[in-house]
Amino acid sequence: MGAWYLTGSVAILTDALESTVNVIAGLIGVYSLYVSAKPKDMNHPYGHGKIEFVSAAVEGTLIIVAGVVIICQAAAGFIHHHSIGSLDYGIILVGFTAVVNYVAGSICVRNGKSSNSLVLVASGKHLQTDTYSTLGIIAGLILLRLFKEPWIDSVVAAVFAIIIMVTGYKILRSSLAGIMDEADEALLKKMVTVLNDNRRANWVDLHNLRIIKYGAVIHIDCHLTVPWYLNVNEAHDEIDALSGLVRDGFAESMELFVHSDGCMPFSCAICTKQDCNVRQHPFAKKIEWTIENVSTNTKHHL
């Protein structure tokens, strides 16, 4: 804001408004992290993690609004040319903010990924995007200083307003996906790969696999088909093995709910268990688990 006051540049105003949005969004993010860290209670049996999606949605909306304001200012600059001064000091100040933003953004992204926090990751990526846009604005200011054409300032402001609006849309889109419990295909694909690579003989079939994120906590539920003759304790051992595999491969902040099903006669054709004394049909083909077939609510058979 100080650099904008010195220069009167609409391009610098672009960075100033976005930085203001960062401060507001950061305060909202801090509060959402505080709320999401609260323990489960009677009213929130799955915890308070969803607040992070709401926070990210607010941040994305604020960014889009800032972009609209900047475009209006840029349009006004085209119509009414204004003088721009002290560009040297303005460039130095804006360059300093670019360095600060990148360092802060990197810290947020690293900590956000390690704790599965959408708020920290969204804020960090936003700050890193600010750095790249700031470098572009600095390049535009250098051109403005060289050619002394006021319209360059408005063009640079409009271009980067569109860029930050796209960033705001992406943040808003990811937050709405979390609120609507949209499937995380990347996580599903990784999980299915781990399960296939470590599949046990008693894991005859896996289906109705679903993943829901509540902030930093991931909730998974699925149906595991095991040989029908296993007693309760033996079936529970297989579920524990599956749970341990998932937790070791992904995160401790994970809740896994597994419903065990007994195998049916048609399961023999896809069952790889060698020492089965009650097999009714010969083994025909092993079915590789995929995102598509483990997400369905029906048992697999040939």
Protein backbone atom coordinates (compact mmCIF):
# COMPACT_ATOMS: atom_id res chain seq x y z
CA MET A 1 0.00 0.00 0.00
CA GLY A 2 2.95 2.30 0.70
CA ALA A 3 4.38 1.63 -2.76
CA TRP A 4 1.00 2.44 -4.33
CA TYR A 5 0.82 5.70 -2.32
CA LEU A 6 4.29 6.71 -3.59
CA THR A 7 3.69 5.86 -7.25
CA GLY A 8 -0.06 6.00 -7.90
CA SER A 9 0.35 2.87 -10.07
CA VAL A 10 -2.76 0.76 -10.65
CA ALA A 11 -0.48 -2.26 -11.22
CA ILE A 12 0.96 -1.86 -7.74
CA LEU A 13 -2.57 -1.39 -6.41
CA THR A 14 -3.21 -4.90 -7.80
CA ASP A 15 -0.58 -6.32 -5.47
CA ALA A 16 -1.69 -4.10 -2.59
CA LEU A 17 -5.32 -5.22 -2.71
CA GLU A 18 -4.34 -8.87 -2.99
CA SER A 19 -2.02 -8.50 -0.01
CA THR A 20 -4.91 -6.95 1.93
CA VAL A 21 -7.02 -9.98 0.99
CA ASN A 22 -4.17 -12.20 2.23
CA VAL A 23 -4.26 -10.54 5.65
CA ILE A 24 -8.04 -10.89 5.97
CA ALA A 25 -7.99 -14.48 4.67
CA GLY A 26 -5.09 -15.28 6.99
CA LEU A 27 -7.06 -14.15 10.04
CA ILE A 28 -10.04 -16.23 8.92
CA GLY A 29 -7.68 -19.15 8.32
CA VAL A 30 -6.18 -18.92 11.80
CA TYR A 31 -9.64 -19.00 13.33
CA SER A 32 -10.67 -21.97 11.17
CA LEU A 33 -7.54 -23.88 12.23
CA TYR A 34 -8.46 -23.20 15.86
CA VAL A 35 -12.00 -24.48 15.30
CA SER A 36 -10.91 -27.53 13.26
CA ALA A 37 -8.52 -28.58 16.06
CA LYS A 38 -11.36 -28.86 18.55
CA PRO A 39 -12.15 -32.42 19.65
CA LYS A 40 -15.29 -34.24 18.53
CA ASP A 41 -18.45 -33.64 20.49
CA MET A 42 -22.09 -34.70 20.48
CA ASN A 43 -23.02 -32.13 17.85
CA HIS A 44 -19.99 -32.82 15.65
CA PRO A 45 -19.26 -36.57 15.79
CA TYR A 46 -16.87 -36.31 12.83
CA GLY A 47 -15.00 -33.32 14.24
CA HIS A 48 -14.88 -29.70 13.09
CA GLY A 49 -12.58 -30.08 10.08
CA LYS A 50 -15.16 -28.94 7.51
CA ILE A 51 -14.63 -25.35 8.68
CA GLU A 52 -11.39 -25.35 6.66
CA PHE A 53 -13.34 -25.76 3.43
CA VAL A 54 -15.56 -22.80 4.39
CA SER A 55 -12.47 -20.70 5.15
CA ALA A 56 -10.91 -21.55 1.79
CA ALA A 57 -14.19 -20.66 0.04
CA VAL A 58 -14.19 -17.24 1.71
CA GLU A 59 -10.57 -16.69 0.66
CA GLY A 60 -11.28 -17.62 -2.94
CA THR A 61 -14.31 -15.32 -3.04
CA LEU A 62 -12.31 -12.39 -1.62
CA ILE A 63 -9.61 -12.89 -4.26
CA ILE A 64 -12.18 -12.84 -7.07
CA VAL A 65 -13.76 -9.65 -5.66
CA ALA A 66 -10.32 -8.01 -5.47
CA GLY A 67 -9.71 -8.95 -9.12
CA VAL A 68 -12.99 -7.32 -10.18
CA VAL A 69 -12.09 -4.10 -8.30
CA ILE A 70 -8.67 -4.01 -9.95
CA ILE A 71 -10.13 -4.46 -13.45
CA CYS A 72 -12.49 -1.54 -12.78
CA GLN A 73 -9.52 0.58 -11.68
CA ALA A 74 -7.56 -0.46 -14.78
CA ALA A 75 -10.49 0.47 -17.03
CA ALA A 76 -10.67 3.88 -15.34
CA GLY A 77 -6.93 4.29 -15.96
CA PHE A 78 -7.45 3.76 -19.70
CA ILE A 79 -10.08 6.49 -19.80
CA HIS A 80 -8.44 8.97 -17.45
CA HIS A 81 -4.64 8.86 -17.66
CA HIS A 82 -2.87 9.69 -14.42
CA SER A 83 0.72 10.59 -13.62
CA ILE A 84 2.94 7.96 -12.03
CA GLY A 85 6.03 8.83 -9.99
CA SER A 86 8.75 7.42 -7.71
CA LEU A 87 8.86 4.16 -9.67
CA ASP A 88 12.34 3.30 -8.40
CA TYR A 89 11.18 3.21 -4.77
CA GLY A 90 7.97 1.46 -5.76
CA ILE A 91 9.84 -1.33 -7.58
CA ILE A 92 12.17 -1.86 -4.59
CA LEU A 93 9.28 -2.06 -2.10
CA VAL A 94 7.25 -4.42 -4.27
CA GLY A 95 10.31 -6.61 -4.89
CA PHE A 96 10.83 -6.94 -1.14
CA THR A 97 7.23 -8.10 -0.66
CA ALA A 98 7.75 -10.72 -3.39
CA VAL A 99 10.60 -12.32 -1.42
CA VAL A 100 8.61 -12.29 1.83
CA ASN A 101 5.55 -13.81 0.13
CA TYR A 102 7.51 -16.67 -1.43
CA VAL A 103 9.24 -17.64 1.82
CA ALA A 104 5.98 -17.47 3.81
CA GLY A 105 4.13 -19.42 1.08
CA SER A 106 6.71 -22.22 1.04
CA ILE A 107 6.45 -22.64 4.80
CA CYS A 108 2.62 -22.76 4.63
CA VAL A 109 2.56 -25.34 1.82
CA ARG A 110 5.11 -27.60 3.52
CA ASN A 111 3.30 -27.55 6.87
CA GLY A 112 -0.11 -27.81 5.21
CA LYS A 113 0.85 -30.96 3.28
CA SER A 114 2.38 -32.60 6.33
CA SER A 115 -0.81 -32.01 8.34
CA ASN A 116 -3.36 -32.44 5.50
CA SER A 117 -4.60 -28.87 6.10
CA LEU A 118 -6.44 -27.38 3.13
CA VAL A 119 -6.29 -23.90 4.70
CA LEU A 120 -2.50 -23.85 4.98
CA VAL A 121 -1.96 -25.34 1.52
CA ALA A 122 -4.42 -22.90 -0.09
CA SER A 123 -2.89 -19.90 1.67
CA GLY A 124 0.65 -21.03 0.84
CA LYS A 125 -0.08 -21.54 -2.86
CA HIS A 126 -1.82 -18.19 -2.91
CA LEU A 127 1.28 -16.50 -1.48
CA GLN A 128 3.55 -18.25 -3.98
CA THR A 129 1.27 -17.20 -6.82
CA ASP A 130 1.55 -13.64 -5.46
CA THR A 131 5.31 -13.86 -5.90
CA TYR A 132 5.06 -14.79 -9.57
CA SER A 133 2.45 -12.12 -10.26
CA THR A 134 4.58 -9.56 -8.40
CA LEU A 135 7.57 -10.36 -10.61
CA GLY A 136 5.37 -9.80 -13.65
CA ILE A 137 4.16 -6.50 -12.22
CA ILE A 138 7.77 -5.44 -11.59
CA ALA A 139 8.58 -6.24 -15.25
CA GLY A 140 5.61 -4.09 -16.30
CA LEU A 141 6.78 -1.24 -14.06
CA ILE A 142 10.24 -1.41 -15.64
CA LEU A 143 8.64 -1.12 -19.10
CA LEU A 144 6.56 1.81 -17.83
CA ARG A 145 9.71 3.53 -16.56
CA LEU A 146 11.48 3.01 -19.88
CA PHE A 147 8.70 4.02 -22.28
CA LYS A 148 6.76 6.53 -20.13
CA GLU A 149 3.39 5.30 -21.51
CA PRO A 150 0.63 5.45 -18.84
CA TRP A 151 -1.50 2.79 -20.58
CA ILE A 152 1.16 0.16 -19.82
CA ASP A 153 0.26 0.45 -16.13
CA SER A 154 -3.43 -0.27 -16.82
CA VAL A 155 -2.64 -3.22 -19.12
CA VAL A 156 -0.34 -4.82 -16.54
CA ALA A 157 -2.97 -4.33 -13.82
CA ALA A 158 -5.74 -5.89 -15.96
CA VAL A 159 -3.62 -8.92 -16.95
CA PHE A 160 -2.66 -9.75 -13.39
CA ALA A 161 -6.16 -9.09 -12.11
CA ILE A 162 -7.34 -11.87 -14.42
CA ILE A 163 -4.52 -14.14 -13.16
CA ILE A 164 -5.47 -13.68 -9.50
CA MET A 165 -9.15 -14.19 -10.34
CA VAL A 166 -8.23 -17.57 -11.86
CA THR A 167 -6.32 -18.37 -8.65
CA GLY A 168 -9.38 -17.40 -6.60
CA TYR A 169 -11.59 -19.63 -8.74
CA LYS A 170 -9.29 -22.63 -8.22
CA ILE A 171 -9.27 -22.13 -4.44
CA LEU A 172 -13.07 -21.72 -4.44
CA ARG A 173 -13.48 -24.82 -6.63
CA SER A 174 -11.33 -27.01 -4.35
CA SER A 175 -13.19 -25.82 -1.24
CA LEU A 176 -16.59 -26.56 -2.78
CA ALA A 177 -15.31 -30.01 -3.78
CA GLY A 178 -14.48 -30.65 -0.12
CA ILE A 179 -17.82 -29.36 1.12
CA MET A 180 -19.63 -31.59 -1.39
CA ASP A 181 -17.43 -34.61 -0.46
CA GLU A 182 -16.12 -34.92 -4.01
CA ALA A 183 -13.99 -38.04 -4.50
CA ASP A 184 -10.23 -37.48 -4.27
CA GLU A 185 -9.08 -39.54 -7.26
CA ALA A 186 -5.37 -39.08 -6.55
CA LEU A 187 -5.76 -40.40 -3.00
CA LEU A 188 -8.01 -43.25 -4.16
CA LYS A 189 -5.55 -44.28 -6.85
CA LYS A 190 -2.64 -44.32 -4.40
CA MET A 191 -4.62 -46.32 -1.86
CA VAL A 192 -5.79 -48.92 -4.41
CA THR A 193 -2.18 -49.36 -5.55
CA VAL A 194 -0.99 -49.98 -1.98
CA LEU A 195 -3.81 -52.47 -1.34
CA ASN A 196 -3.10 -54.38 -4.56
CA ASP A 197 0.63 -54.59 -3.80
CA ASN A 198 0.02 -55.92 -0.27
CA ARG A 199 -3.10 -58.01 -0.87
CA ARG A 200 -3.51 -60.98 1.48
CA ALA A 201 -4.96 -64.37 0.53
CA ASN A 202 -7.95 -63.90 2.84
CA TRP A 203 -8.86 -60.60 1.19
CA VAL A 204 -11.17 -62.16 -1.38
CA ASP A 205 -12.80 -58.93 -2.48
CA LEU A 206 -12.97 -55.21 -1.71
CA HIS A 207 -15.85 -52.95 -2.66
CA ASN A 208 -17.84 -49.84 -1.66
CA LEU A 209 -14.63 -47.94 -0.81
CA ARG A 210 -15.31 -44.30 0.07
CA ILE A 211 -13.08 -41.48 1.29
CA ILE A 212 -14.26 -38.29 2.98
CA LYS A 213 -12.02 -35.49 4.25
CA TYR A 214 -12.82 -33.47 7.35
CA GLY A 215 -9.96 -30.98 7.44
CA ALA A 216 -6.82 -32.85 8.45
CA VAL A 217 -8.75 -36.06 9.26
CA ILE A 218 -9.51 -38.61 6.55
CA HIS A 219 -12.45 -40.98 7.01
CA ILE A 220 -12.49 -44.19 4.99
CA ASP A 221 -15.07 -46.93 4.90
CA CYS A 222 -15.26 -50.07 2.76
CA HIS A 223 -16.52 -53.66 2.59
CA LEU A 224 -13.96 -56.45 2.79
CA THR A 225 -14.94 -59.95 1.69
CA VAL A 226 -13.20 -62.73 3.63
CA PRO A 227 -13.72 -66.54 3.67
CA TRP A 228 -17.11 -67.26 5.21
CA TYR A 229 -15.76 -69.82 7.66
CA LEU A 230 -13.49 -67.39 9.56
CA ASN A 231 -14.66 -66.75 13.12
CA VAL A 232 -15.19 -63.22 14.44
CA ASN A 233 -11.66 -62.91 15.83
CA GLU A 234 -10.04 -64.15 12.62
CA ALA A 235 -12.10 -61.76 10.49
CA HIS A 236 -11.16 -58.95 12.86
CA ASP A 237 -7.47 -59.81 12.41
CA GLU A 238 -7.85 -59.33 8.65
CA ILE A 239 -9.54 -55.97 9.22
CA ASP A 240 -6.73 -54.92 11.58
CA ALA A 241 -4.16 -55.86 8.93
CA LEU A 242 -6.00 -53.76 6.34
CA SER A 243 -6.28 -50.82 8.76
CA GLY A 244 -2.60 -50.99 9.68
CA LEU A 245 -1.58 -51.06 6.03
CA VAL A 246 -3.64 -47.96 5.24
CA ARG A 247 -2.46 -46.01 8.28
CA ASP A 248 1.21 -46.84 7.67
CA GLY A 249 0.95 -45.80 4.05
CA PHE A 250 -0.92 -42.56 4.50
CA ALA A 251 -1.44 -40.78 7.83
CA GLU A 252 -2.09 -41.24 11.48
CA SER A 253 -4.99 -38.77 11.34
CA MET A 254 -7.18 -41.34 9.65
CA GLU A 255 -10.31 -43.23 10.66
CA LEU A 256 -11.05 -46.51 8.89
CA PHE A 257 -14.36 -48.36 9.15
CA VAL A 258 -14.44 -51.80 7.54
CA HIS A 259 -17.52 -53.99 7.16
CA SER A 260 -16.63 -57.66 6.71
CA ASP A 261 -18.63 -59.86 4.30
CA GLY A 262 -18.48 -63.63 4.00
CA CYS A 263 -17.59 -64.96 0.55
CA MET A 264 -20.29 -66.48 -1.68
CA PRO A 265 -20.02 -69.49 -4.04
CA PHE A 266 -19.42 -67.17 -7.03
CA SER A 267 -16.39 -65.74 -5.17
CA CYS A 268 -14.45 -68.99 -5.72
CA ALA A 269 -13.68 -68.03 -9.31
CA ILE A 270 -11.77 -64.91 -8.20
CA CYS A 271 -10.37 -66.20 -4.89
CA THR A 272 -6.58 -66.83 -4.87
CA LYS A 273 -6.53 -68.67 -1.53
CA GLN A 274 -4.69 -71.96 -2.09
CA ASP A 275 -5.53 -73.92 1.09
CA CYS A 276 -9.33 -73.59 0.99
CA ASN A 277 -11.06 -76.86 1.98
CA VAL A 278 -14.55 -75.68 1.09
CA ARG A 279 -13.94 -74.36 -2.43
CA GLN A 280 -16.93 -75.08 -4.67
CA HIS A 281 -15.53 -73.80 -7.97
CA PRO A 282 -12.01 -73.70 -9.39
CA PHE A 283 -10.04 -70.45 -9.44
CA ALA A 284 -10.42 -68.73 -12.82
CA LYS A 285 -9.03 -65.21 -12.72
CA LYS A 286 -7.64 -62.71 -10.23
CA ILE A 287 -9.42 -59.36 -10.41
CA GLU A 288 -7.09 -56.40 -10.00
CA TRP A 289 -8.64 -53.71 -7.84
CA THR A 290 -9.15 -50.36 -9.55
CA ILE A 291 -10.77 -47.08 -8.53
CA GLU A 292 -13.80 -48.01 -10.61
CA ASN A 293 -14.44 -51.52 -9.29
CA VAL A 294 -13.66 -50.91 -5.58
CA SER A 295 -15.99 -47.90 -5.53
CA THR A 296 -19.04 -49.88 -6.58
CA ASN A 297 -21.46 -51.31 -4.02
CA THR A 298 -21.51 -54.83 -5.48
CA LYS A 299 -19.28 -57.82 -4.91
CA HIS A 300 -17.07 -58.76 -7.84
CA HIS A 301 -17.53 -61.94 -9.82
CA LEU A 302 -16.80 -63.21 -13.30
